N, C-alpha and C. Protein backbone atom coordinates (compact mmCIF):
# COMPACT_ATOMS: atom_id res chain seq x y z
N MET A 1 39.99 90.65 72.39
CA MET A 1 39.75 92.16 73.41
C MET A 1 40.50 92.24 74.65
N ILE A 2 40.86 90.31 75.60
CA ILE A 2 40.96 89.90 76.54
C ILE A 2 42.89 89.96 75.86
N VAL A 3 43.68 89.52 74.97
CA VAL A 3 44.95 89.36 74.71
C VAL A 3 45.40 90.31 74.32
N LEU A 4 44.54 91.31 73.43
CA LEU A 4 45.11 92.52 73.24
C LEU A 4 45.18 93.24 74.41
N VAL A 5 44.59 94.04 76.11
CA VAL A 5 44.64 93.92 77.43
C VAL A 5 46.36 93.49 77.71
N THR A 6 45.90 92.12 77.78
CA THR A 6 47.42 91.81 78.25
C THR A 6 48.61 91.41 77.14
N LEU A 7 48.60 91.68 76.42
CA LEU A 7 49.96 92.40 75.71
C LEU A 7 50.45 93.48 75.77
N VAL A 8 49.74 94.23 75.88
CA VAL A 8 49.82 96.76 76.44
C VAL A 8 50.15 96.06 77.64
N ILE A 9 49.28 95.19 78.28
CA ILE A 9 49.84 95.26 80.28
C ILE A 9 51.37 94.61 80.22
N GLY A 10 51.37 93.47 79.99
CA GLY A 10 53.15 92.86 79.60
C GLY A 10 54.25 93.65 78.85
N PHE A 11 53.90 94.28 78.21
CA PHE A 11 54.78 95.18 77.14
C PHE A 11 54.89 96.28 77.88
N THR A 12 53.78 97.79 78.50
CA THR A 12 54.32 98.24 79.93
C THR A 12 55.04 97.62 80.81
N GLY A 13 54.66 96.73 81.23
CA GLY A 13 55.10 96.42 82.33
C GLY A 13 56.53 95.85 81.48
N GLY A 14 56.99 95.47 81.37
CA GLY A 14 58.25 94.75 80.20
C GLY A 14 58.96 96.15 80.56
N PHE A 15 58.44 97.64 80.13
CA PHE A 15 59.21 98.56 79.58
C PHE A 15 59.76 99.41 80.46
N VAL A 16 58.19 98.97 81.76
CA VAL A 16 58.73 99.62 83.16
C VAL A 16 59.98 99.45 84.09
N LEU A 17 59.79 97.61 83.84
CA LEU A 17 60.10 96.82 84.70
C LEU A 17 62.17 96.85 84.54
N ARG A 18 61.83 97.69 83.48
CA ARG A 18 63.44 96.89 82.33
C ARG A 18 64.72 97.59 83.08
N PRO A 19 65.10 98.61 83.73
CA PRO A 19 65.68 99.43 84.68
C PRO A 19 66.00 98.01 85.78
N VAL A 20 65.24 97.51 85.95
CA VAL A 20 65.24 96.94 87.34
C VAL A 20 65.54 95.58 86.91
N ILE A 21 65.60 94.74 86.05
CA ILE A 21 65.69 93.47 85.66
C ILE A 21 66.65 93.35 84.96
N SER A 22 67.29 94.51 84.14
CA SER A 22 68.51 94.57 83.55
C SER A 22 69.45 96.41 83.26
N PRO A 23 69.82 96.58 84.99
CA PRO A 23 70.10 97.63 85.00
C PRO A 23 71.43 98.34 84.54
N ILE A 24 71.86 99.34 84.31
CA ILE A 24 72.52 99.94 83.35
C ILE A 24 74.20 99.58 83.92
N GLN A 25 75.00 99.80 83.01
CA GLN A 25 76.47 99.14 83.48
C GLN A 25 77.32 100.51 83.29
N PRO A 26 77.50 100.76 85.01
CA PRO A 26 78.55 102.29 85.39
C PRO A 26 79.44 101.97 84.29
N ALA A 27 80.04 103.32 83.88
CA ALA A 27 81.19 103.62 82.69
C ALA A 27 82.49 102.89 83.27
N ASP A 28 82.83 103.48 84.08
CA ASP A 28 84.59 104.35 84.50
C ASP A 28 84.47 103.51 85.99
N THR A 29 84.21 102.09 86.37
CA THR A 29 84.08 101.91 87.94
C THR A 29 85.23 101.23 87.92
N VAL A 30 86.45 100.67 86.89
CA VAL A 30 87.32 99.54 86.44
C VAL A 30 88.50 100.57 87.16
N ALA A 31 88.69 101.77 86.42
CA ALA A 31 89.65 102.79 86.63
C ALA A 31 89.92 103.46 87.53
N ALA A 32 88.86 103.75 88.62
CA ALA A 32 88.27 104.75 90.30
C ALA A 32 88.79 103.34 91.00
N ALA A 33 88.98 101.91 90.73
CA ALA A 33 88.84 100.50 91.56
C ALA A 33 90.09 100.64 92.68
N SER A 34 90.52 100.13 93.20
CA SER A 34 92.13 100.41 93.96
C SER A 34 92.51 99.18 93.43
N PRO A 35 93.76 99.24 93.54
CA PRO A 35 94.87 98.15 93.06
C PRO A 35 94.79 97.12 94.26
N ALA A 36 94.40 95.83 93.66
CA ALA A 36 94.21 94.76 94.50
C ALA A 36 95.35 93.68 93.45
N PRO A 37 95.65 92.66 94.38
CA PRO A 37 96.22 91.54 93.85
C PRO A 37 96.65 90.98 92.33
N ALA A 38 97.04 91.17 91.56
CA ALA A 38 96.87 90.60 90.27
C ALA A 38 96.20 89.26 90.19
N ALA A 39 95.13 89.16 89.64
CA ALA A 39 94.66 86.57 89.80
C ALA A 39 95.21 86.91 88.71
N PRO A 40 95.56 85.16 88.39
CA PRO A 40 96.01 84.71 87.17
C PRO A 40 95.53 85.22 85.91
N ALA A 41 95.19 85.59 84.79
CA ALA A 41 94.42 85.65 83.65
C ALA A 41 93.44 84.48 83.76
N GLU A 42 93.81 83.44 82.88
CA GLU A 42 92.64 82.59 83.08
C GLU A 42 92.89 81.14 84.22
N ALA A 43 91.84 81.03 83.96
CA ALA A 43 91.50 79.68 85.73
C ALA A 43 92.07 78.16 84.79
N ARG A 44 93.05 77.73 85.99
CA ARG A 44 94.10 77.16 85.24
C ARG A 44 92.46 75.37 84.93
N ASP A 45 92.99 74.84 83.44
CA ASP A 45 91.64 74.03 83.74
C ASP A 45 92.56 72.25 83.68
N THR A 46 91.21 72.04 83.85
CA THR A 46 91.05 70.32 84.40
C THR A 46 92.33 69.42 84.27
N GLN A 47 92.38 69.43 82.68
CA GLN A 47 93.63 68.82 82.65
C GLN A 47 94.89 69.01 83.59
N TYR A 48 95.02 70.12 83.52
CA TYR A 48 96.10 70.66 83.84
C TYR A 48 96.09 70.15 85.63
N PHE A 49 95.06 70.47 86.24
CA PHE A 49 94.98 69.74 87.58
C PHE A 49 95.38 68.63 87.87
N VAL A 50 94.32 67.52 86.55
CA VAL A 50 95.27 66.17 86.63
C VAL A 50 96.21 65.65 85.82
N ALA A 51 97.09 66.66 85.52
CA ALA A 51 98.72 66.45 85.71
C ALA A 51 99.51 66.72 86.82
N HIS A 52 99.01 67.22 87.27
CA HIS A 52 99.50 68.17 89.06
C HIS A 52 98.22 67.81 89.68
N ILE A 53 98.12 66.54 90.20
CA ILE A 53 96.84 66.36 91.55
C ILE A 53 97.31 67.39 93.00
N ASP A 54 99.10 67.12 92.93
CA ASP A 54 99.06 68.12 94.13
C ASP A 54 97.89 68.83 94.74
N GLU A 55 98.80 70.16 93.08
CA GLU A 55 98.48 70.99 93.10
C GLU A 55 96.86 71.64 93.33
N ALA A 56 96.70 70.44 92.44
CA ALA A 56 94.83 70.78 93.01
C ALA A 56 94.45 70.60 93.94
N ARG A 57 94.08 69.41 95.47
CA ARG A 57 94.75 69.41 96.16
C ARG A 57 94.63 70.38 97.10
N GLN A 58 96.13 70.91 96.51
CA GLN A 58 95.99 72.49 97.71
C GLN A 58 94.88 73.81 97.25
N VAL A 59 94.53 73.56 95.88
CA VAL A 59 93.74 74.84 95.81
C VAL A 59 92.35 74.55 96.03
N VAL A 60 92.05 73.03 96.62
CA VAL A 60 90.51 72.84 96.90
C VAL A 60 90.83 73.89 98.69
N ALA A 61 91.70 73.24 98.88
CA ALA A 61 92.00 72.99 100.53
C ALA A 61 91.75 74.51 100.82
N GLY A 62 92.95 75.40 99.69
CA GLY A 62 92.77 76.68 100.00
C GLY A 62 91.15 77.24 99.42
N CYS A 63 90.20 76.72 99.19
CA CYS A 63 88.89 77.14 98.33
C CYS A 63 88.35 76.82 99.78
N ARG A 64 88.14 75.83 99.87
CA ARG A 64 87.29 75.45 101.86
C ARG A 64 87.43 76.52 102.49
N ASP A 65 88.90 76.81 102.78
CA ASP A 65 89.02 77.83 104.00
C ASP A 65 89.15 79.18 103.35
N GLY A 66 88.40 79.33 101.65
CA GLY A 66 88.59 80.68 101.68
C GLY A 66 89.23 81.05 101.29
N SER A 67 90.59 80.76 101.26
CA SER A 67 92.11 82.21 100.37
C SER A 67 92.32 81.59 99.01
N VAL A 68 91.41 80.60 98.70
CA VAL A 68 91.65 81.00 97.07
C VAL A 68 89.91 81.09 96.68
N ARG A 69 89.77 81.69 95.29
CA ARG A 69 88.65 81.78 94.79
C ARG A 69 88.88 81.59 93.08
N GLY A 70 87.55 81.81 93.09
CA GLY A 70 87.34 81.23 91.03
C GLY A 70 87.16 80.08 90.58
N GLY A 71 87.52 80.16 89.39
CA GLY A 71 87.06 79.54 88.49
C GLY A 71 87.53 78.41 88.72
N GLU A 72 89.36 78.21 89.42
CA GLU A 72 89.76 77.03 89.66
C GLU A 72 89.95 76.23 90.93
N CYS A 73 88.60 76.48 91.26
CA CYS A 73 87.87 75.86 92.47
C CYS A 73 87.37 74.69 92.48
N ALA A 74 86.79 75.01 90.84
CA ALA A 74 85.59 73.93 90.60
C ALA A 74 86.56 72.73 89.25
N THR A 75 87.34 73.81 88.99
CA THR A 75 88.29 72.77 87.68
C THR A 75 89.20 71.95 89.50
N ALA A 76 89.72 72.05 90.04
CA ALA A 76 90.47 71.40 90.91
C ALA A 76 89.96 70.79 91.15
N ASP A 77 88.77 70.95 92.34
CA ASP A 77 87.79 69.43 92.30
C ASP A 77 87.30 68.61 91.26
N GLU A 78 87.12 69.39 90.34
CA GLU A 78 86.61 68.25 89.08
C GLU A 78 88.44 67.33 89.04
N ALA A 79 89.02 67.73 88.90
CA ALA A 79 89.94 67.02 88.46
C ALA A 79 90.66 65.94 89.47
N ILE A 80 90.66 66.01 90.76
CA ILE A 80 90.17 65.27 91.98
C ILE A 80 89.01 63.96 92.38
N ILE A 81 88.04 64.83 91.38
CA ILE A 81 87.39 63.59 91.34
C ILE A 81 87.63 62.42 90.42
N LYS A 82 87.86 63.30 88.84
CA LYS A 82 88.65 62.33 87.93
C LYS A 82 90.00 61.41 87.82
N VAL A 83 90.46 62.05 88.88
CA VAL A 83 91.61 61.46 89.55
C VAL A 83 91.16 59.89 90.60
N ASP A 84 90.73 60.44 91.28
CA ASP A 84 90.55 59.52 92.36
C ASP A 84 88.92 58.43 91.90
N ALA A 85 88.63 58.99 90.36
CA ALA A 85 87.24 57.85 90.25
C ALA A 85 88.52 56.91 88.90
N ALA A 86 89.32 56.98 88.32
CA ALA A 86 90.50 56.63 87.66
C ALA A 86 91.25 55.75 88.81
N GLU A 87 91.60 56.17 90.05
CA GLU A 87 92.06 55.07 90.55
C GLU A 87 91.41 54.13 91.45
N ARG A 88 89.99 54.21 91.91
CA ARG A 88 88.37 53.35 92.03
C ARG A 88 88.63 52.97 90.59
N ARG A 89 88.90 53.26 89.78
CA ARG A 89 88.30 52.10 88.84
C ARG A 89 89.74 50.58 87.99
N ARG A 90 91.08 51.29 88.18
CA ARG A 90 92.07 50.69 88.68
C ARG A 90 92.46 49.26 89.67
N LYS A 91 91.68 49.84 90.76
CA LYS A 91 91.95 49.13 91.84
C LYS A 91 91.07 48.08 91.70
N PHE A 92 90.10 48.29 91.00
CA PHE A 92 88.29 47.81 90.91
C PHE A 92 88.74 46.17 89.52
N LEU A 93 89.17 46.92 88.78
CA LEU A 93 89.85 46.11 87.64
C LEU A 93 90.95 44.85 88.01
N GLY A 94 91.37 45.83 88.23
CA GLY A 94 93.22 44.58 88.69
C GLY A 94 93.71 45.14 88.08
N ASN A 95 93.75 46.63 87.08
CA ASN A 95 95.21 46.63 86.40
C ASN A 95 96.12 47.75 87.12
């Protein structure tokens, strides 16, 4: 009996709170949005930034001061970490 009451309360609470947990998406808000500067279609990946480390450092600096946003901040930072680690490893091993 207790299990049945708990299930009924749980399902009822789920149905009542569903609009709060997962709100309905507005249909045509993109068409009404003001024109913004076009962002790149895809964020450049870590391999790109490893090959262009100076550009990665510029992107990370832009992320810190707030002029750059998006997925490139994380990938550029990851590329810098990889390049610095490879440089430290090369110096440590003497290659």
